[in-house]
């Protein structure tokens, strides 16, 4: 069972996402992380496998466009 759940809209570089996940896992033990990959975010299959290997990271299968100030729909989709 998880203590926390964090929704993250992803539109940055892959390394930025890894840093965020590692920080969350270090400071907030027992956290479920749900990623929403923006429609414009390009990610390789190998990178998805790395994200899924964390065990507490889930990738939303729905991908919608996001931009600064317009990400609420990505969070809602994660829930």
PDB file of N, CA and C in Angstrom:
ATOM      1  N   UNK A   1       0.839  -1.178   0.000  1.00  0.00           N
ATOM      2  CA  UNK A   1       0.000   0.000   0.000  1.00  0.00           C
ATOM      3  C   UNK A   1       0.885   1.243   0.000  1.00  0.00           C
ATOM      4  N   UNK A   2       0.438   2.264  -0.734  1.00  0.00           N
ATOM      5  CA  UNK A   2       1.191   3.494  -0.853  1.00  0.00           C
ATOM      6  C   UNK A   2       0.690   4.535   0.143  1.00  0.00           C
ATOM      7  N   UNK A   3       1.600   5.360   0.646  1.00  0.00           N
ATOM      8  CA  UNK A   3       1.242   6.455   1.543  1.00  0.00           C
ATOM      9  C   UNK A   3       0.858   7.711   0.764  1.00  0.00           C
ATOM     10  N   UNK A   4       1.490   7.898  -0.391  1.00  0.00           N
ATOM     11  CA  UNK A   4       1.284   9.093  -1.197  1.00  0.00           C
ATOM     12  C   UNK A   4       1.096   8.709  -2.659  1.00  0.00           C
ATOM     13  N   UNK A   5       0.490   9.616  -3.411  1.00  0.00           N
ATOM     14  CA  UNK A   5       0.367   9.438  -4.859  1.00  0.00           C
ATOM     15  C   UNK A   5       0.677  10.785  -5.497  1.00  0.00           C
ATOM     16  N   UNK A   6       1.602  10.774  -6.443  1.00  0.00           N
ATOM     17  CA  UNK A   6       2.012  12.004  -7.104  1.00  0.00           C
ATOM     18  C   UNK A   6       1.758  11.883  -8.599  1.00  0.00           C
ATOM     19  N   UNK A   7       1.115  12.898  -9.161  1.00  0.00           N
ATOM     20  CA  UNK A   7       0.833  12.970 -10.590  1.00  0.00           C
ATOM     21  C   UNK A   7       1.821  13.937 -11.221  1.00  0.00           C
ATOM     22  N   UNK A   8       2.522  13.466 -12.268  1.00  0.00           N
ATOM     23  CA  UNK A   8       3.511  14.314 -12.930  1.00  0.00           C
ATOM     24  C   UNK A   8       3.235  14.354 -14.434  1.00  0.00           C
ATOM     25  N   UNK A   9       2.910  15.536 -14.966  1.00  0.00           N
ATOM     26  CA  UNK A   9       2.839  15.674 -16.417  1.00  0.00           C
ATOM     27  C   UNK A   9       4.266  15.796 -16.961  1.00  0.00           C
ATOM     28  N   UNK A  10       4.613  14.960 -17.910  1.00  0.00           N
ATOM     29  CA  UNK A  10       5.984  14.891 -18.422  1.00  0.00           C
ATOM     30  C   UNK A  10       6.067  15.557 -19.796  1.00  0.00           C
ATOM     31  N   UNK A  11       6.954  16.546 -19.888  1.00  0.00           N
ATOM     32  CA  UNK A  11       7.188  17.203 -21.163  1.00  0.00           C
ATOM     33  C   UNK A  11       8.641  17.624 -21.299  1.00  0.00           C
ATOM     34  N   UNK A  12       9.462  17.235 -20.337  1.00  0.00           N
ATOM     35  CA  UNK A  12      10.883  17.612 -20.313  1.00  0.00           C
ATOM     36  C   UNK A  12      11.748  16.463 -20.790  1.00  0.00           C
ATOM     37  N   UNK A  13      13.030  16.617 -20.596  1.00  0.00           N
ATOM     38  CA  UNK A  13      14.010  15.609 -20.960  1.00  0.00           C
ATOM     39  C   UNK A  13      13.895  14.385 -20.054  1.00  0.00           C
ATOM     40  N   UNK A  14      14.258  13.240 -20.582  1.00  0.00           N
ATOM     41  CA  UNK A  14      14.179  11.990 -19.836  1.00  0.00           C
ATOM     42  C   UNK A  14      14.987  12.052 -18.534  1.00  0.00           C
ATOM     43  N   UNK A  15      16.186  12.643 -18.588  1.00  0.00           N
ATOM     44  CA  UNK A  15      17.028  12.736 -17.386  1.00  0.00           C
ATOM     45  C   UNK A  15      16.360  13.538 -16.274  1.00  0.00           C
ATOM     46  N   UNK A  16      15.578  14.549 -16.647  1.00  0.00           N
ATOM     47  CA  UNK A  16      14.851  15.346 -15.654  1.00  0.00           C
ATOM     48  C   UNK A  16      13.824  14.469 -14.938  1.00  0.00           C
ATOM     49  N   UNK A  17      13.151  13.615 -15.689  1.00  0.00           N
ATOM     50  CA  UNK A  17      12.152  12.717 -15.100  1.00  0.00           C
ATOM     51  C   UNK A  17      12.820  11.746 -14.137  1.00  0.00           C
ATOM     52  N   UNK A  18      13.951  11.175 -14.551  1.00  0.00           N
ATOM     53  CA  UNK A  18      14.674  10.251 -13.663  1.00  0.00           C
ATOM     54  C   UNK A  18      15.083  10.936 -12.367  1.00  0.00           C
ATOM     55  N   UNK A  19      15.579  12.163 -12.462  1.00  0.00           N
ATOM     56  CA  UNK A  19      15.955  12.912 -11.256  1.00  0.00           C
ATOM     57  C   UNK A  19      14.751  13.130 -10.343  1.00  0.00           C
ATOM     58  N   UNK A  20      13.611  13.496 -10.937  1.00  0.00           N
ATOM     59  CA  UNK A  20      12.401  13.701 -10.126  1.00  0.00           C
ATOM     60  C   UNK A  20      11.993  12.422  -9.422  1.00  0.00           C
ATOM     61  N   UNK A  21      11.981  11.309 -10.145  1.00  0.00           N
ATOM     62  CA  UNK A  21      11.583  10.028  -9.555  1.00  0.00           C
ATOM     63  C   UNK A  21      12.540   9.641  -8.431  1.00  0.00           C
ATOM     64  N   UNK A  22      13.834   9.778  -8.679  1.00  0.00           N
ATOM     65  CA  UNK A  22      14.813   9.435  -7.641  1.00  0.00           C
ATOM     66  C   UNK A  22      14.661  10.312  -6.405  1.00  0.00           C
ATOM     67  N   UNK A  23      14.407  11.605  -6.590  1.00  0.00           N
ATOM     68  CA  UNK A  23      14.192  12.498  -5.449  1.00  0.00           C
ATOM     69  C   UNK A  23      12.931  12.139  -4.682  1.00  0.00           C
ATOM     70  N   UNK A  24      11.853  11.871  -5.396  1.00  0.00           N
ATOM     71  CA  UNK A  24      10.600  11.485  -4.740  1.00  0.00           C
ATOM     72  C   UNK A  24      10.797  10.202  -3.949  1.00  0.00           C
ATOM     73  N   UNK A  25      11.433   9.212  -4.562  1.00  0.00           N
ATOM     74  CA  UNK A  25      11.648   7.936  -3.883  1.00  0.00           C
ATOM     75  C   UNK A  25      12.574   8.067  -2.680  1.00  0.00           C
ATOM     76  N   UNK A  26      13.493   9.010  -2.709  1.00  0.00           N
ATOM     77  CA  UNK A  26      14.396   9.232  -1.581  1.00  0.00           C
ATOM     78  C   UNK A  26      13.688   9.948  -0.425  1.00  0.00           C
ATOM     79  N   UNK A  27      12.937  11.000  -0.744  1.00  0.00           N
ATOM     80  CA  UNK A  27      12.342  11.830   0.298  1.00  0.00           C
ATOM     81  C   UNK A  27      10.944  11.396   0.717  1.00  0.00           C
ATOM     82  N   UNK A  28      10.213  10.708  -0.142  1.00  0.00           N
ATOM     83  CA  UNK A  28       8.842  10.283   0.174  1.00  0.00           C
ATOM     84  C   UNK A  28       8.708   8.775  -0.055  1.00  0.00           C
ATOM     85  N   UNK A  29       9.193   8.016   0.886  1.00  0.00           N
ATOM     86  CA  UNK A  29       9.116   6.559   0.786  1.00  0.00           C
ATOM     87  C   UNK A  29       7.651   6.127   0.711  1.00  0.00           C
ATOM     88  N   UNK A  30       7.384   5.099  -0.067  1.00  0.00           N
ATOM     89  CA  UNK A  30       6.024   4.578  -0.173  1.00  0.00           C
ATOM     90  C   UNK A  30       5.119   5.428  -1.047  1.00  0.00           C
ATOM     91  N   UNK A  31       5.669   5.969  -2.140  1.00  0.00           N
ATOM     92  CA  UNK A  31       4.901   6.853  -3.008  1.00  0.00           C
ATOM     93  C   UNK A  31       4.624   6.200  -4.353  1.00  0.00           C
ATOM     94  N   UNK A  32       3.381   6.298  -4.811  1.00  0.00           N
ATOM     95  CA  UNK A  32       3.010   5.903  -6.166  1.00  0.00           C
ATOM     96  C   UNK A  32       3.197   7.136  -7.046  1.00  0.00           C
ATOM     97  N   UNK A  33       3.850   6.944  -8.179  1.00  0.00           N
ATOM     98  CA  UNK A  33       4.087   8.046  -9.113  1.00  0.00           C
ATOM     99  C   UNK A  33       3.389   7.709 -10.421  1.00  0.00           C
ATOM    100  N   UNK A  34       2.507   8.609 -10.848  1.00  0.00           N
ATOM    101  CA  UNK A  34       1.795   8.419 -12.107  1.00  0.00           C
ATOM    102  C   UNK A  34       2.279   9.479 -13.086  1.00  0.00           C
ATOM    103  N   UNK A  35       2.803   9.015 -14.213  1.00  0.00           N
ATOM    104  CA  UNK A  35       3.321   9.922 -15.223  1.00  0.00           C
ATOM    105  C   UNK A  35       2.334  10.064 -16.372  1.00  0.00           C
ATOM    106  N   UNK A  36       2.104  11.294 -16.771  1.00  0.00           N
ATOM    107  CA  UNK A  36       1.347  11.542 -17.989  1.00  0.00           C
ATOM    108  C   UNK A  36       2.341  12.066 -19.013  1.00  0.00           C
ATOM    109  N   UNK A  37       2.597  11.306 -20.070  1.00  0.00           N
ATOM    110  CA  UNK A  37       3.521  11.721 -21.119  1.00  0.00           C
ATOM    111  C   UNK A  37       2.776  12.603 -22.104  1.00  0.00           C
ATOM    112  N   UNK A  38       3.208  13.847 -22.193  1.00  0.00           N
ATOM    113  CA  UNK A  38       2.569  14.774 -23.119  1.00  0.00           C
ATOM    114  C   UNK A  38       2.615  14.217 -24.538  1.00  0.00           C
ATOM    115  N   UNK A  39       1.615  14.560 -25.310  1.00  0.00           N
ATOM    116  CA  UNK A  39       1.519  14.068 -26.689  1.00  0.00           C
ATOM    117  C   UNK A  39       2.767  14.406 -27.506  1.00  0.00           C
ATOM    118  N   UNK A  40       3.393  15.536 -27.211  1.00  0.00           N
ATOM    119  CA  UNK A  40       4.572  15.963 -27.972  1.00  0.00           C
ATOM    120  C   UNK A  40       5.885  15.408 -27.407  1.00  0.00           C
ATOM    121  N   UNK A  41       5.834  14.754 -26.250  1.00  0.00           N
ATOM    122  CA  UNK A  41       7.049  14.226 -25.624  1.00  0.00           C
ATOM    123  C   UNK A  41       7.487  12.954 -26.331  1.00  0.00           C
ATOM    124  N   UNK A  42       8.736  12.956 -26.810  1.00  0.00           N
ATOM    125  CA  UNK A  42       9.268  11.780 -27.491  1.00  0.00           C
ATOM    126  C   UNK A  42      10.060  10.939 -26.499  1.00  0.00           C
ATOM    127  N   UNK A  43       9.721   9.662 -26.412  1.00  0.00           N
ATOM    128  CA  UNK A  43      10.381   8.755 -25.484  1.00  0.00           C
ATOM    129  C   UNK A  43      10.661   7.439 -26.193  1.00  0.00           C
ATOM    130  N   UNK A  44      11.819   6.873 -25.895  1.00  0.00           N
ATOM    131  CA  UNK A  44      12.231   5.614 -26.510  1.00  0.00           C
ATOM    132  C   UNK A  44      11.697   4.433 -25.697  1.00  0.00           C
ATOM    133  N   UNK A  45      11.552   3.294 -26.340  1.00  0.00           N
ATOM    134  CA  UNK A  45      11.087   2.090 -25.658  1.00  0.00           C
ATOM    135  C   UNK A  45      11.999   1.721 -24.486  1.00  0.00           C
ATOM    136  N   UNK A  46      13.308   1.891 -24.670  1.00  0.00           N
ATOM    137  CA  UNK A  46      14.257   1.576 -23.593  1.00  0.00           C
ATOM    138  C   UNK A  46      14.025   2.479 -22.380  1.00  0.00           C
ATOM    139  N   UNK A  47      13.661   3.730 -22.627  1.00  0.00           N
ATOM    140  CA  UNK A  47      13.411   4.669 -21.533  1.00  0.00           C
ATOM    141  C   UNK A  47      12.141   4.301 -20.783  1.00  0.00           C
ATOM    142  N   UNK A  48      11.129   3.846 -21.497  1.00  0.00           N
ATOM    143  CA  UNK A  48       9.891   3.398 -20.841  1.00  0.00           C
ATOM    144  C   UNK A  48      10.187   2.199 -19.948  1.00  0.00           C
ATOM    145  N   UNK A  49      11.016   1.285 -20.420  1.00  0.00           N
ATOM    146  CA  UNK A  49      11.381   0.119 -19.616  1.00  0.00           C
ATOM    147  C   UNK A  49      12.097   0.536 -18.333  1.00  0.00           C
ATOM    148  N   UNK A  50      12.954   1.550 -18.437  1.00  0.00           N
ATOM    149  CA  UNK A  50      13.645   2.057 -17.246  1.00  0.00           C
ATOM    150  C   UNK A  50      12.640   2.620 -16.250  1.00  0.00           C
ATOM    151  N   UNK A  51      11.680   3.403 -16.730  1.00  0.00           N
ATOM    152  CA  UNK A  51      10.663   3.978 -15.840  1.00  0.00           C
ATOM    153  C   UNK A  51       9.829   2.890 -15.175  1.00  0.00           C
ATOM    154  N   UNK A  52       9.430   1.900 -15.949  1.00  0.00           N
ATOM    155  CA  UNK A  52       8.603   0.819 -15.413  1.00  0.00           C
ATOM    156  C   UNK A  52       9.373  -0.054 -14.424  1.00  0.00           C
ATOM    157  N   UNK A  53      10.696  -0.054 -14.506  1.00  0.00           N
ATOM    158  CA  UNK A  53      11.498  -0.894 -13.615  1.00  0.00           C
ATOM    159  C   UNK A  53      11.511  -0.390 -12.174  1.00  0.00           C
ATOM    160  N   UNK A  54      11.073   0.825 -11.943  1.00  0.00           N
ATOM    161  CA  UNK A  54      11.037   1.357 -10.580  1.00  0.00           C
ATOM    162  C   UNK A  54      10.034   0.610  -9.700  1.00  0.00           C
ATOM    163  N   UNK A  55       8.989   0.086 -10.269  1.00  0.00           N
ATOM    164  CA  UNK A  55       7.999  -0.654  -9.487  1.00  0.00           C
ATOM    165  C   UNK A  55       6.891   0.210  -8.914  1.00  0.00           C
ATOM    166  N   UNK A  56       7.162   1.480  -8.647  1.00  0.00           N
ATOM    167  CA  UNK A  56       6.132   2.377  -8.112  1.00  0.00           C
ATOM    168  C   UNK A  56       5.762   3.470  -9.118  1.00  0.00           C
ATOM    169  N   UNK A  57       6.261   3.341 -10.346  1.00  0.00           N
ATOM    170  CA  UNK A  57       5.993   4.321 -11.394  1.00  0.00           C
ATOM    171  C   UNK A  57       5.029   3.720 -12.402  1.00  0.00           C
ATOM    172  N   UNK A  58       3.951   4.440 -12.663  1.00  0.00           N
ATOM    173  CA  UNK A  58       2.937   4.000 -13.615  1.00  0.00           C
ATOM    174  C   UNK A  58       2.813   5.050 -14.707  1.00  0.00           C
ATOM    175  N   UNK A  59       2.688   4.603 -15.942  1.00  0.00           N
ATOM    176  CA  UNK A  59       2.588   5.516 -17.074  1.00  0.00           C
ATOM    177  C   UNK A  59       1.161   5.485 -17.605  1.00  0.00           C
ATOM    178  N   UNK A  60       0.532   6.641 -17.598  1.00  0.00           N
ATOM    179  CA  UNK A  60      -0.820   6.783 -18.114  1.00  0.00           C
ATOM    180  C   UNK A  60      -0.808   6.469 -19.614  1.00  0.00           C
ATOM    181  N   UNK A  61      -1.722   5.647 -20.064  1.00  0.00           N
ATOM    182  CA  UNK A  61      -1.766   5.278 -21.483  1.00  0.00           C
ATOM    183  C   UNK A  61      -2.368   6.383 -22.358  1.00  0.00           C
ATOM    184  N   UNK A  62      -3.077   7.325 -21.748  1.00  0.00           N
ATOM    185  CA  UNK A  62      -3.649   8.453 -22.507  1.00  0.00           C
ATOM    186  C   UNK A  62      -2.607   9.556 -22.618  1.00  0.00           C
ATOM    187  N   UNK A  63      -2.447  10.098 -23.819  1.00  0.00           N
ATOM    188  CA  UNK A  63      -1.490  11.180 -24.038  1.00  0.00           C
ATOM    189  C   UNK A  63      -2.206  12.357 -24.682  1.00  0.00           C
ATOM    190  N   UNK A  64      -2.280  13.460 -23.937  1.00  0.00           N
ATOM    191  CA  UNK A  64      -2.897  14.675 -24.464  1.00  0.00           C
ATOM    192  C   UNK A  64      -1.847  15.775 -24.546  1.00  0.00           C
ATOM    193  N   UNK A  65      -2.114  16.794 -25.333  1.00  0.00           N
ATOM    194  CA  UNK A  65      -1.192  17.919 -25.462  1.00  0.00           C
ATOM    195  C   UNK A  65      -1.194  18.743 -24.186  1.00  0.00           C
ATOM    196  N   UNK A  66      -0.018  19.179 -23.782  1.00  0.00           N
ATOM    197  CA  UNK A  66       0.105  20.054 -22.612  1.00  0.00           C
ATOM    198  C   UNK A  66       0.967  21.244 -22.988  1.00  0.00           C
ATOM    199  N   UNK A  67       0.747  22.339 -22.281  1.00  0.00           N
ATOM    200  CA  UNK A  67       1.601  23.516 -22.419  1.00  0.00           C
ATOM    201  C   UNK A  67       1.496  24.292 -21.116  1.00  0.00           C
ATOM    202  N   UNK A  68       2.400  25.236 -20.931  1.00  0.00           N
ATOM    203  CA  UNK A  68       2.468  25.991 -19.688  1.00  0.00           C
ATOM    204  C   UNK A  68       1.115  26.619 -19.363  1.00  0.00           C
ATOM    205  N   UNK A  69       0.633  26.342 -18.166  1.00  0.00           N
ATOM    206  CA  UNK A  69      -0.642  26.887 -17.719  1.00  0.00           C
ATOM    207  C   UNK A  69      -1.847  26.059 -18.128  1.00  0.00           C
ATOM    208  N   UNK A  70      -1.630  25.003 -18.888  1.00  0.00           N
ATOM    209  CA  UNK A  70      -2.730  24.158 -19.365  1.00  0.00           C
ATOM    210  C   UNK A  70      -2.374  22.684 -19.187  1.00  0.00           C
ATOM    211  N   UNK A  71      -2.268  22.276 -17.913  1.00  0.00           N
ATOM    212  CA  UNK A  71      -1.901  20.893 -17.641  1.00  0.00           C
ATOM    213  C   UNK A  71      -2.912  20.176 -16.739  1.00  0.00           C
ATOM    214  N   UNK A  72      -3.943  20.892 -16.329  1.00  0.00           N
ATOM    215  CA  UNK A  72      -4.919  20.280 -15.426  1.00  0.00           C
ATOM    216  C   UNK A  72      -5.522  19.014 -16.022  1.00  0.00           C
ATOM    217  N   UNK A  73      -5.821  19.029 -17.315  1.00  0.00           N
ATOM    218  CA  UNK A  73      -6.424  17.858 -17.955  1.00  0.00           C
ATOM    219  C   UNK A  73      -5.486  16.645 -17.903  1.00  0.00           C
ATOM    220  N   UNK A  74      -4.168  16.876 -17.877  1.00  0.00           N
ATOM    221  CA  UNK A  74      -3.215  15.770 -17.752  1.00  0.00           C
ATOM    222  C   UNK A  74      -3.303  15.150 -16.364  1.00  0.00           C
ATOM    223  N   UNK A  75      -3.413  15.990 -15.333  1.00  0.00           N
ATOM    224  CA  UNK A  75      -3.563  15.488 -13.965  1.00  0.00           C
ATOM    225  C   UNK A  75      -4.889  14.723 -13.807  1.00  0.00           C
ATOM    226  N   UNK A  76      -5.937  15.290 -14.345  1.00  0.00           N
ATOM    227  CA  UNK A  76      -7.248  14.623 -14.254  1.00  0.00           C
ATOM    228  C   UNK A  76      -7.201  13.270 -14.953  1.00  0.00           C
ATOM    229  N   UNK A  77      -6.553  13.199 -16.083  1.00  0.00           N
ATOM    230  CA  UNK A  77      -6.405  11.936 -16.794  1.00  0.00           C
ATOM    231  C   UNK A  77      -5.634  10.918 -15.962  1.00  0.00           C
ATOM    232  N   UNK A  78      -4.640  11.384 -15.208  1.00  0.00           N
ATOM    233  CA  UNK A  78      -3.884  10.464 -14.349  1.00  0.00           C
ATOM    234  C   UNK A  78      -4.760   9.834 -13.265  1.00  0.00           C
ATOM    235  N   UNK A  79      -5.722  10.573 -12.775  1.00  0.00           N
ATOM    236  CA  UNK A  79      -6.589  10.027 -11.721  1.00  0.00           C
ATOM    237  C   UNK A  79      -7.680   9.197 -12.342  1.00  0.00           C
TER     238      UNK A  79
END
